[in-house]
């Protein structure tokens, strides 16, 4: 079984209640995209089939990179049950 590990930034991000808004700023390589993916996973777990996640990027390349990250993370957690639209 693959274990998902978090850095300190991601742990702090996940400790914030969903009701609060956050700004995840900073330079490259801090784990922001993975933290956003983890927040999406938390939302999916919390709301199940009623979960709806909208992610918008300025460029298609940026969106495609995040999609690969999501497919890897959600595939690790849900296996073949993960679905994307």
PDB file of N, CA and C in Angstrom:
ATOM      1  N   UNK A   1       0.843  -1.177   0.000  1.00  0.00           N
ATOM      2  CA  UNK A   1       0.000   0.000   0.000  1.00  0.00           C
ATOM      3  C   UNK A   1       0.891   1.244   0.000  1.00  0.00           C
ATOM      4  N   UNK A   2       0.589   2.184  -0.857  1.00  0.00           N
ATOM      5  CA  UNK A   2       1.336   3.428  -0.953  1.00  0.00           C
ATOM      6  C   UNK A   2       0.876   4.379   0.139  1.00  0.00           C
ATOM      7  N   UNK A   3       1.840   4.983   0.825  1.00  0.00           N
ATOM      8  CA  UNK A   3       1.515   5.932   1.884  1.00  0.00           C
ATOM      9  C   UNK A   3       1.698   7.345   1.356  1.00  0.00           C
ATOM     10  N   UNK A   4       0.738   8.206   1.627  1.00  0.00           N
ATOM     11  CA  UNK A   4       0.800   9.608   1.205  1.00  0.00           C
ATOM     12  C   UNK A   4       1.463  10.392   2.325  1.00  0.00           C
ATOM     13  N   UNK A   5       2.520  11.131   1.975  1.00  0.00           N
ATOM     14  CA  UNK A   5       3.235  11.923   2.972  1.00  0.00           C
ATOM     15  C   UNK A   5       3.022  13.403   2.688  1.00  0.00           C
ATOM     16  N   UNK A   6       2.930  14.193   3.756  1.00  0.00           N
ATOM     17  CA  UNK A   6       2.698  15.632   3.656  1.00  0.00           C
ATOM     18  C   UNK A   6       3.921  16.375   4.173  1.00  0.00           C
ATOM     19  N   UNK A   7       4.212  17.524   3.547  1.00  0.00           N
ATOM     20  CA  UNK A   7       5.242  18.387   4.131  1.00  0.00           C
ATOM     21  C   UNK A   7       4.565  19.283   5.177  1.00  0.00           C
ATOM     22  N   UNK A   8       5.339  20.103   5.859  1.00  0.00           N
ATOM     23  CA  UNK A   8       4.789  20.934   6.936  1.00  0.00           C
ATOM     24  C   UNK A   8       3.726  21.912   6.424  1.00  0.00           C
ATOM     25  N   UNK A   9       3.971  22.504   5.252  1.00  0.00           N
ATOM     26  CA  UNK A   9       3.011  23.431   4.654  1.00  0.00           C
ATOM     27  C   UNK A   9       1.674  22.735   4.394  1.00  0.00           C
ATOM     28  N   UNK A  10       1.720  21.526   3.855  1.00  0.00           N
ATOM     29  CA  UNK A  10       0.496  20.778   3.558  1.00  0.00           C
ATOM     30  C   UNK A  10      -0.226  20.372   4.830  1.00  0.00           C
ATOM     31  N   UNK A  11       0.515  20.002   5.860  1.00  0.00           N
ATOM     32  CA  UNK A  11      -0.103  19.666   7.143  1.00  0.00           C
ATOM     33  C   UNK A  11      -0.826  20.878   7.731  1.00  0.00           C
ATOM     34  N   UNK A  12      -0.185  22.045   7.664  1.00  0.00           N
ATOM     35  CA  UNK A  12      -0.808  23.262   8.182  1.00  0.00           C
ATOM     36  C   UNK A  12      -2.043  23.626   7.360  1.00  0.00           C
ATOM     37  N   UNK A  13      -1.960  23.457   6.040  1.00  0.00           N
ATOM     38  CA  UNK A  13      -3.092  23.761   5.165  1.00  0.00           C
ATOM     39  C   UNK A  13      -4.284  22.870   5.495  1.00  0.00           C
ATOM     40  N   UNK A  14      -4.023  21.593   5.702  1.00  0.00           N
ATOM     41  CA  UNK A  14      -5.113  20.665   5.995  1.00  0.00           C
ATOM     42  C   UNK A  14      -5.686  20.846   7.401  1.00  0.00           C
ATOM     43  N   UNK A  15      -4.955  21.516   8.273  1.00  0.00           N
ATOM     44  CA  UNK A  15      -5.465  21.730   9.630  1.00  0.00           C
ATOM     45  C   UNK A  15      -6.469  22.876   9.699  1.00  0.00           C
ATOM     46  N   UNK A  16      -6.564  23.673   8.630  1.00  0.00           N
ATOM     47  CA  UNK A  16      -7.508  24.795   8.597  1.00  0.00           C
ATOM     48  C   UNK A  16      -8.901  24.265   8.276  1.00  0.00           C
ATOM     49  N   UNK A  17      -9.916  24.637   9.045  1.00  0.00           N
ATOM     50  CA  UNK A  17     -11.281  24.173   8.763  1.00  0.00           C
ATOM     51  C   UNK A  17     -11.751  24.612   7.375  1.00  0.00           C
ATOM     52  N   UNK A  18     -12.593  23.794   6.767  1.00  0.00           N
ATOM     53  CA  UNK A  18     -13.084  24.062   5.413  1.00  0.00           C
ATOM     54  C   UNK A  18     -13.872  25.361   5.318  1.00  0.00           C
ATOM     55  N   UNK A  19     -14.462  25.814   6.405  1.00  0.00           N
ATOM     56  CA  UNK A  19     -15.292  27.015   6.393  1.00  0.00           C
ATOM     57  C   UNK A  19     -14.477  28.289   6.177  1.00  0.00           C
ATOM     58  N   UNK A  20     -13.184  28.240   6.369  1.00  0.00           N
ATOM     59  CA  UNK A  20     -12.328  29.417   6.241  1.00  0.00           C
ATOM     60  C   UNK A  20     -11.702  29.476   4.851  1.00  0.00           C
ATOM     61  N   UNK A  21     -11.493  30.691   4.357  1.00  0.00           N
ATOM     62  CA  UNK A  21     -10.795  30.901   3.097  1.00  0.00           C
ATOM     63  C   UNK A  21      -9.298  31.024   3.376  1.00  0.00           C
ATOM     64  N   UNK A  22      -8.486  30.548   2.430  1.00  0.00           N
ATOM     65  CA  UNK A  22      -7.037  30.629   2.580  1.00  0.00           C
ATOM     66  C   UNK A  22      -6.413  31.191   1.313  1.00  0.00           C
ATOM     67  N   UNK A  23      -5.293  31.850   1.494  1.00  0.00           N
ATOM     68  CA  UNK A  23      -4.448  32.250   0.378  1.00  0.00           C
ATOM     69  C   UNK A  23      -3.206  31.386   0.440  1.00  0.00           C
ATOM     70  N   UNK A  24      -2.984  30.592  -0.604  1.00  0.00           N
ATOM     71  CA  UNK A  24      -1.798  29.733  -0.649  1.00  0.00           C
ATOM     72  C   UNK A  24      -0.798  30.357  -1.607  1.00  0.00           C
ATOM     73  N   UNK A  25       0.018  31.233  -1.098  1.00  0.00           N
ATOM     74  CA  UNK A  25       0.982  31.942  -1.933  1.00  0.00           C
ATOM     75  C   UNK A  25       2.389  31.441  -1.696  1.00  0.00           C
ATOM     76  N   UNK A  26       3.297  31.986  -2.478  1.00  0.00           N
ATOM     77  CA  UNK A  26       4.699  31.627  -2.305  1.00  0.00           C
ATOM     78  C   UNK A  26       5.319  31.187  -3.614  1.00  0.00           C
ATOM     79  N   UNK A  27       6.590  30.913  -3.549  1.00  0.00           N
ATOM     80  CA  UNK A  27       7.349  30.534  -4.738  1.00  0.00           C
ATOM     81  C   UNK A  27       7.104  29.095  -5.160  1.00  0.00           C
ATOM     82  N   UNK A  28       7.819  28.724  -6.197  1.00  0.00           N
ATOM     83  CA  UNK A  28       7.692  27.377  -6.739  1.00  0.00           C
ATOM     84  C   UNK A  28       8.299  26.354  -5.794  1.00  0.00           C
ATOM     85  N   UNK A  29       7.727  25.159  -5.817  1.00  0.00           N
ATOM     86  CA  UNK A  29       8.302  24.052  -5.065  1.00  0.00           C
ATOM     87  C   UNK A  29       7.893  23.948  -3.612  1.00  0.00           C
ATOM     88  N   UNK A  30       6.919  24.721  -3.180  1.00  0.00           N
ATOM     89  CA  UNK A  30       6.499  24.677  -1.785  1.00  0.00           C
ATOM     90  C   UNK A  30       5.426  23.649  -1.484  1.00  0.00           C
ATOM     91  N   UNK A  31       4.844  23.071  -2.523  1.00  0.00           N
ATOM     92  CA  UNK A  31       3.815  22.059  -2.315  1.00  0.00           C
ATOM     93  C   UNK A  31       2.400  22.604  -2.373  1.00  0.00           C
ATOM     94  N   UNK A  32       2.219  23.794  -2.968  1.00  0.00           N
ATOM     95  CA  UNK A  32       0.879  24.400  -3.017  1.00  0.00           C
ATOM     96  C   UNK A  32      -0.094  23.578  -3.847  1.00  0.00           C
ATOM     97  N   UNK A  33       0.321  23.141  -5.021  1.00  0.00           N
ATOM     98  CA  UNK A  33      -0.574  22.371  -5.889  1.00  0.00           C
ATOM     99  C   UNK A  33      -0.976  21.062  -5.227  1.00  0.00           C
ATOM    100  N   UNK A  34      -0.029  20.409  -4.581  1.00  0.00           N
ATOM    101  CA  UNK A  34      -0.344  19.150  -3.897  1.00  0.00           C
ATOM    102  C   UNK A  34      -1.276  19.417  -2.716  1.00  0.00           C
ATOM    103  N   UNK A  35      -1.069  20.546  -2.026  1.00  0.00           N
ATOM    104  CA  UNK A  35      -1.963  20.916  -0.927  1.00  0.00           C
ATOM    105  C   UNK A  35      -3.385  21.129  -1.448  1.00  0.00           C
ATOM    106  N   UNK A  36      -3.525  21.791  -2.606  1.00  0.00           N
ATOM    107  CA  UNK A  36      -4.852  21.979  -3.205  1.00  0.00           C
ATOM    108  C   UNK A  36      -5.474  20.643  -3.584  1.00  0.00           C
ATOM    109  N   UNK A  37      -4.659  19.731  -4.093  1.00  0.00           N
ATOM    110  CA  UNK A  37      -5.161  18.400  -4.432  1.00  0.00           C
ATOM    111  C   UNK A  37      -5.621  17.671  -3.170  1.00  0.00           C
ATOM    112  N   UNK A  38      -4.888  17.824  -2.091  1.00  0.00           N
ATOM    113  CA  UNK A  38      -5.281  17.201  -0.824  1.00  0.00           C
ATOM    114  C   UNK A  38      -6.573  17.805  -0.288  1.00  0.00           C
ATOM    115  N   UNK A  39      -6.737  19.119  -0.461  1.00  0.00           N
ATOM    116  CA  UNK A  39      -7.997  19.752  -0.057  1.00  0.00           C
ATOM    117  C   UNK A  39      -9.158  19.231  -0.894  1.00  0.00           C
ATOM    118  N   UNK A  40      -8.929  19.013  -2.178  1.00  0.00           N
ATOM    119  CA  UNK A  40      -9.966  18.440  -3.040  1.00  0.00           C
ATOM    120  C   UNK A  40     -10.299  17.017  -2.586  1.00  0.00           C
ATOM    121  N   UNK A  41      -9.280  16.256  -2.222  1.00  0.00           N
ATOM    122  CA  UNK A  41      -9.506  14.896  -1.724  1.00  0.00           C
ATOM    123  C   UNK A  41     -10.304  14.925  -0.425  1.00  0.00           C
ATOM    124  N   UNK A  42      -9.963  15.845   0.465  1.00  0.00           N
ATOM    125  CA  UNK A  42     -10.707  15.975   1.731  1.00  0.00           C
ATOM    126  C   UNK A  42     -12.172  16.297   1.458  1.00  0.00           C
ATOM    127  N   UNK A  43     -12.404  17.210   0.501  1.00  0.00           N
ATOM    128  CA  UNK A  43     -13.772  17.576   0.135  1.00  0.00           C
ATOM    129  C   UNK A  43     -14.520  16.374  -0.446  1.00  0.00           C
ATOM    130  N   UNK A  44     -13.858  15.619  -1.308  1.00  0.00           N
ATOM    131  CA  UNK A  44     -14.479  14.437  -1.911  1.00  0.00           C
ATOM    132  C   UNK A  44     -14.822  13.394  -0.852  1.00  0.00           C
ATOM    133  N   UNK A  45     -13.944  13.222   0.111  1.00  0.00           N
ATOM    134  CA  UNK A  45     -14.207  12.267   1.194  1.00  0.00           C
ATOM    135  C   UNK A  45     -15.356  12.738   2.074  1.00  0.00           C
ATOM    136  N   UNK A  46     -15.405  14.040   2.332  1.00  0.00           N
ATOM    137  CA  UNK A  46     -16.421  14.584   3.222  1.00  0.00           C
ATOM    138  C   UNK A  46     -17.812  14.542   2.600  1.00  0.00           C
ATOM    139  N   UNK A  47     -17.919  14.845   1.297  1.00  0.00           N
ATOM    140  CA  UNK A  47     -19.232  14.968   0.672  1.00  0.00           C
ATOM    141  C   UNK A  47     -19.594  13.813  -0.256  1.00  0.00           C
ATOM    142  N   UNK A  48     -18.673  12.896  -0.478  1.00  0.00           N
ATOM    143  CA  UNK A  48     -18.968  11.709  -1.278  1.00  0.00           C
ATOM    144  C   UNK A  48     -19.451  12.052  -2.678  1.00  0.00           C
ATOM    145  N   UNK A  49     -20.532  11.406  -3.107  1.00  0.00           N
ATOM    146  CA  UNK A  49     -21.037  11.598  -4.469  1.00  0.00           C
ATOM    147  C   UNK A  49     -21.586  13.009  -4.695  1.00  0.00           C
ATOM    148  N   UNK A  50     -21.855  13.749  -3.639  1.00  0.00           N
ATOM    149  CA  UNK A  50     -22.353  15.121  -3.777  1.00  0.00           C
ATOM    150  C   UNK A  50     -21.222  16.144  -3.919  1.00  0.00           C
ATOM    151  N   UNK A  51     -19.981  15.708  -3.817  1.00  0.00           N
ATOM    152  CA  UNK A  51     -18.833  16.613  -3.903  1.00  0.00           C
ATOM    153  C   UNK A  51     -18.704  17.179  -5.310  1.00  0.00           C
ATOM    154  N   UNK A  52     -18.443  18.457  -5.391  1.00  0.00           N
ATOM    155  CA  UNK A  52     -18.188  19.141  -6.667  1.00  0.00           C
ATOM    156  C   UNK A  52     -16.975  20.023  -6.470  1.00  0.00           C
ATOM    157  N   UNK A  53     -15.979  19.860  -7.313  1.00  0.00           N
ATOM    158  CA  UNK A  53     -14.730  20.592  -7.178  1.00  0.00           C
ATOM    159  C   UNK A  53     -14.453  21.301  -8.490  1.00  0.00           C
ATOM    160  N   UNK A  54     -14.291  22.617  -8.424  1.00  0.00           N
ATOM    161  CA  UNK A  54     -13.965  23.417  -9.604  1.00  0.00           C
ATOM    162  C   UNK A  54     -12.564  23.967  -9.414  1.00  0.00           C
ATOM    163  N   UNK A  55     -11.705  23.720 -10.388  1.00  0.00           N
ATOM    164  CA  UNK A  55     -10.324  24.201 -10.349  1.00  0.00           C
ATOM    165  C   UNK A  55     -10.054  24.936 -11.646  1.00  0.00           C
ATOM    166  N   UNK A  56      -9.611  26.166 -11.552  1.00  0.00           N
ATOM    167  CA  UNK A  56      -9.394  26.999 -12.737  1.00  0.00           C
ATOM    168  C   UNK A  56      -7.942  27.448 -12.770  1.00  0.00           C
ATOM    169  N   UNK A  57      -7.315  27.328 -13.935  1.00  0.00           N
ATOM    170  CA  UNK A  57      -5.953  27.828 -14.141  1.00  0.00           C
ATOM    171  C   UNK A  57      -5.962  28.771 -15.335  1.00  0.00           C
ATOM    172  N   UNK A  58      -4.985  29.628 -15.396  1.00  0.00           N
ATOM    173  CA  UNK A  58      -4.889  30.615 -16.459  1.00  0.00           C
ATOM    174  C   UNK A  58      -4.539  29.973 -17.800  1.00  0.00           C
ATOM    175  N   UNK A  59      -3.741  28.902 -17.768  1.00  0.00           N
ATOM    176  CA  UNK A  59      -3.322  28.251 -19.009  1.00  0.00           C
ATOM    177  C   UNK A  59      -3.743  26.790 -19.013  1.00  0.00           C
ATOM    178  N   UNK A  60      -3.876  26.240 -20.205  1.00  0.00           N
ATOM    179  CA  UNK A  60      -4.205  24.824 -20.332  1.00  0.00           C
ATOM    180  C   UNK A  60      -3.072  23.963 -19.784  1.00  0.00           C
ATOM    181  N   UNK A  61      -1.828  24.368 -20.021  1.00  0.00           N
ATOM    182  CA  UNK A  61      -0.669  23.610 -19.525  1.00  0.00           C
ATOM    183  C   UNK A  61      -0.712  23.499 -18.010  1.00  0.00           C
ATOM    184  N   UNK A  62      -1.026  24.600 -17.339  1.00  0.00           N
ATOM    185  CA  UNK A  62      -1.134  24.575 -15.882  1.00  0.00           C
ATOM    186  C   UNK A  62      -2.238  23.647 -15.418  1.00  0.00           C
ATOM    187  N   UNK A  63      -3.342  23.655 -16.129  1.00  0.00           N
ATOM    188  CA  UNK A  63      -4.451  22.770 -15.789  1.00  0.00           C
ATOM    189  C   UNK A  63      -4.088  21.310 -16.039  1.00  0.00           C
ATOM    190  N   UNK A  64      -3.409  21.039 -17.152  1.00  0.00           N
ATOM    191  CA  UNK A  64      -3.011  19.666 -17.489  1.00  0.00           C
ATOM    192  C   UNK A  64      -2.036  19.118 -16.447  1.00  0.00           C
ATOM    193  N   UNK A  65      -1.115  19.956 -15.967  1.00  0.00           N
ATOM    194  CA  UNK A  65      -0.176  19.523 -14.925  1.00  0.00           C
ATOM    195  C   UNK A  65      -0.917  19.155 -13.644  1.00  0.00           C
ATOM    196  N   UNK A  66      -1.893  19.979 -13.268  1.00  0.00           N
ATOM    197  CA  UNK A  66      -2.669  19.698 -12.056  1.00  0.00           C
ATOM    198  C   UNK A  66      -3.526  18.448 -12.236  1.00  0.00           C
ATOM    199  N   UNK A  67      -4.050  18.250 -13.435  1.00  0.00           N
ATOM    200  CA  UNK A  67      -4.840  17.042 -13.703  1.00  0.00           C
ATOM    201  C   UNK A  67      -4.003  15.787 -13.484  1.00  0.00           C
ATOM    202  N   UNK A  68      -2.763  15.789 -13.947  1.00  0.00           N
ATOM    203  CA  UNK A  68      -1.880  14.637 -13.735  1.00  0.00           C
ATOM    204  C   UNK A  68      -1.642  14.391 -12.248  1.00  0.00           C
ATOM    205  N   UNK A  69      -1.449  15.476 -11.501  1.00  0.00           N
ATOM    206  CA  UNK A  69      -1.258  15.355 -10.065  1.00  0.00           C
ATOM    207  C   UNK A  69      -2.498  14.744  -9.403  1.00  0.00           C
ATOM    208  N   UNK A  70      -3.689  15.225  -9.807  1.00  0.00           N
ATOM    209  CA  UNK A  70      -4.941  14.695  -9.256  1.00  0.00           C
ATOM    210  C   UNK A  70      -5.149  13.229  -9.612  1.00  0.00           C
ATOM    211  N   UNK A  71      -4.882  12.887 -10.860  1.00  0.00           N
ATOM    212  CA  UNK A  71      -5.047  11.493 -11.282  1.00  0.00           C
ATOM    213  C   UNK A  71      -4.140  10.570 -10.474  1.00  0.00           C
ATOM    214  N   UNK A  72      -2.921  11.020 -10.204  1.00  0.00           N
ATOM    215  CA  UNK A  72      -1.998  10.217  -9.405  1.00  0.00           C
ATOM    216  C   UNK A  72      -2.497  10.079  -7.968  1.00  0.00           C
ATOM    217  N   UNK A  73      -2.869  11.198  -7.342  1.00  0.00           N
ATOM    218  CA  UNK A  73      -3.324  11.180  -5.952  1.00  0.00           C
ATOM    219  C   UNK A  73      -4.625  10.400  -5.792  1.00  0.00           C
ATOM    220  N   UNK A  74      -5.630  10.736  -6.600  1.00  0.00           N
ATOM    221  CA  UNK A  74      -6.923  10.067  -6.470  1.00  0.00           C
ATOM    222  C   UNK A  74      -6.817   8.600  -6.878  1.00  0.00           C
ATOM    223  N   UNK A  75      -5.956   8.297  -7.845  1.00  0.00           N
ATOM    224  CA  UNK A  75      -5.727   6.906  -8.232  1.00  0.00           C
ATOM    225  C   UNK A  75      -5.097   6.116  -7.102  1.00  0.00           C
ATOM    226  N   UNK A  76      -4.195   6.750  -6.352  1.00  0.00           N
ATOM    227  CA  UNK A  76      -3.576   6.096  -5.204  1.00  0.00           C
ATOM    228  C   UNK A  76      -4.621   5.781  -4.134  1.00  0.00           C
ATOM    229  N   UNK A  77      -5.523   6.712  -3.905  1.00  0.00           N
ATOM    230  CA  UNK A  77      -6.520   6.553  -2.842  1.00  0.00           C
ATOM    231  C   UNK A  77      -7.688   5.669  -3.280  1.00  0.00           C
ATOM    232  N   UNK A  78      -8.246   5.925  -4.476  1.00  0.00           N
ATOM    233  CA  UNK A  78      -9.476   5.255  -4.892  1.00  0.00           C
ATOM    234  C   UNK A  78      -9.251   4.136  -5.899  1.00  0.00           C
ATOM    235  N   UNK A  79      -8.074   4.044  -6.475  1.00  0.00           N
ATOM    236  CA  UNK A  79      -7.830   3.026  -7.488  1.00  0.00           C
ATOM    237  C   UNK A  79      -8.683   3.282  -8.732  1.00  0.00           C
ATOM    238  N   UNK A  80      -9.287   2.237  -9.261  1.00  0.00           N
ATOM    239  CA  UNK A  80     -10.081   2.367 -10.494  1.00  0.00           C
ATOM    240  C   UNK A  80     -11.438   3.010 -10.251  1.00  0.00           C
ATOM    241  N   UNK A  81     -11.820   3.246  -8.998  1.00  0.00           N
ATOM    242  CA  UNK A  81     -13.100   3.877  -8.703  1.00  0.00           C
ATOM    243  C   UNK A  81     -13.056   5.394  -8.903  1.00  0.00           C
ATOM    244  N   UNK A  82     -11.869   5.981  -9.080  1.00  0.00           N
ATOM    245  CA  UNK A  82     -11.745   7.426  -9.281  1.00  0.00           C
ATOM    246  C   UNK A  82     -12.295   7.791 -10.662  1.00  0.00           C
ATOM    247  N   UNK A  83     -13.135   8.855 -10.706  1.00  0.00           N
ATOM    248  CA  UNK A  83     -13.700   9.319 -11.975  1.00  0.00           C
ATOM    249  C   UNK A  83     -13.503  10.819 -12.112  1.00  0.00           C
ATOM    250  N   UNK A  84     -13.278  11.253 -13.344  1.00  0.00           N
ATOM    251  CA  UNK A  84     -13.073  12.673 -13.644  1.00  0.00           C
ATOM    252  C   UNK A  84     -14.042  13.103 -14.721  1.00  0.00           C
ATOM    253  N   UNK A  85     -14.441  14.357 -14.672  1.00  0.00           N
ATOM    254  CA  UNK A  85     -15.305  14.917 -15.710  1.00  0.00           C
ATOM    255  C   UNK A  85     -14.685  16.223 -16.164  1.00  0.00           C
TER     256      UNK A  85
END
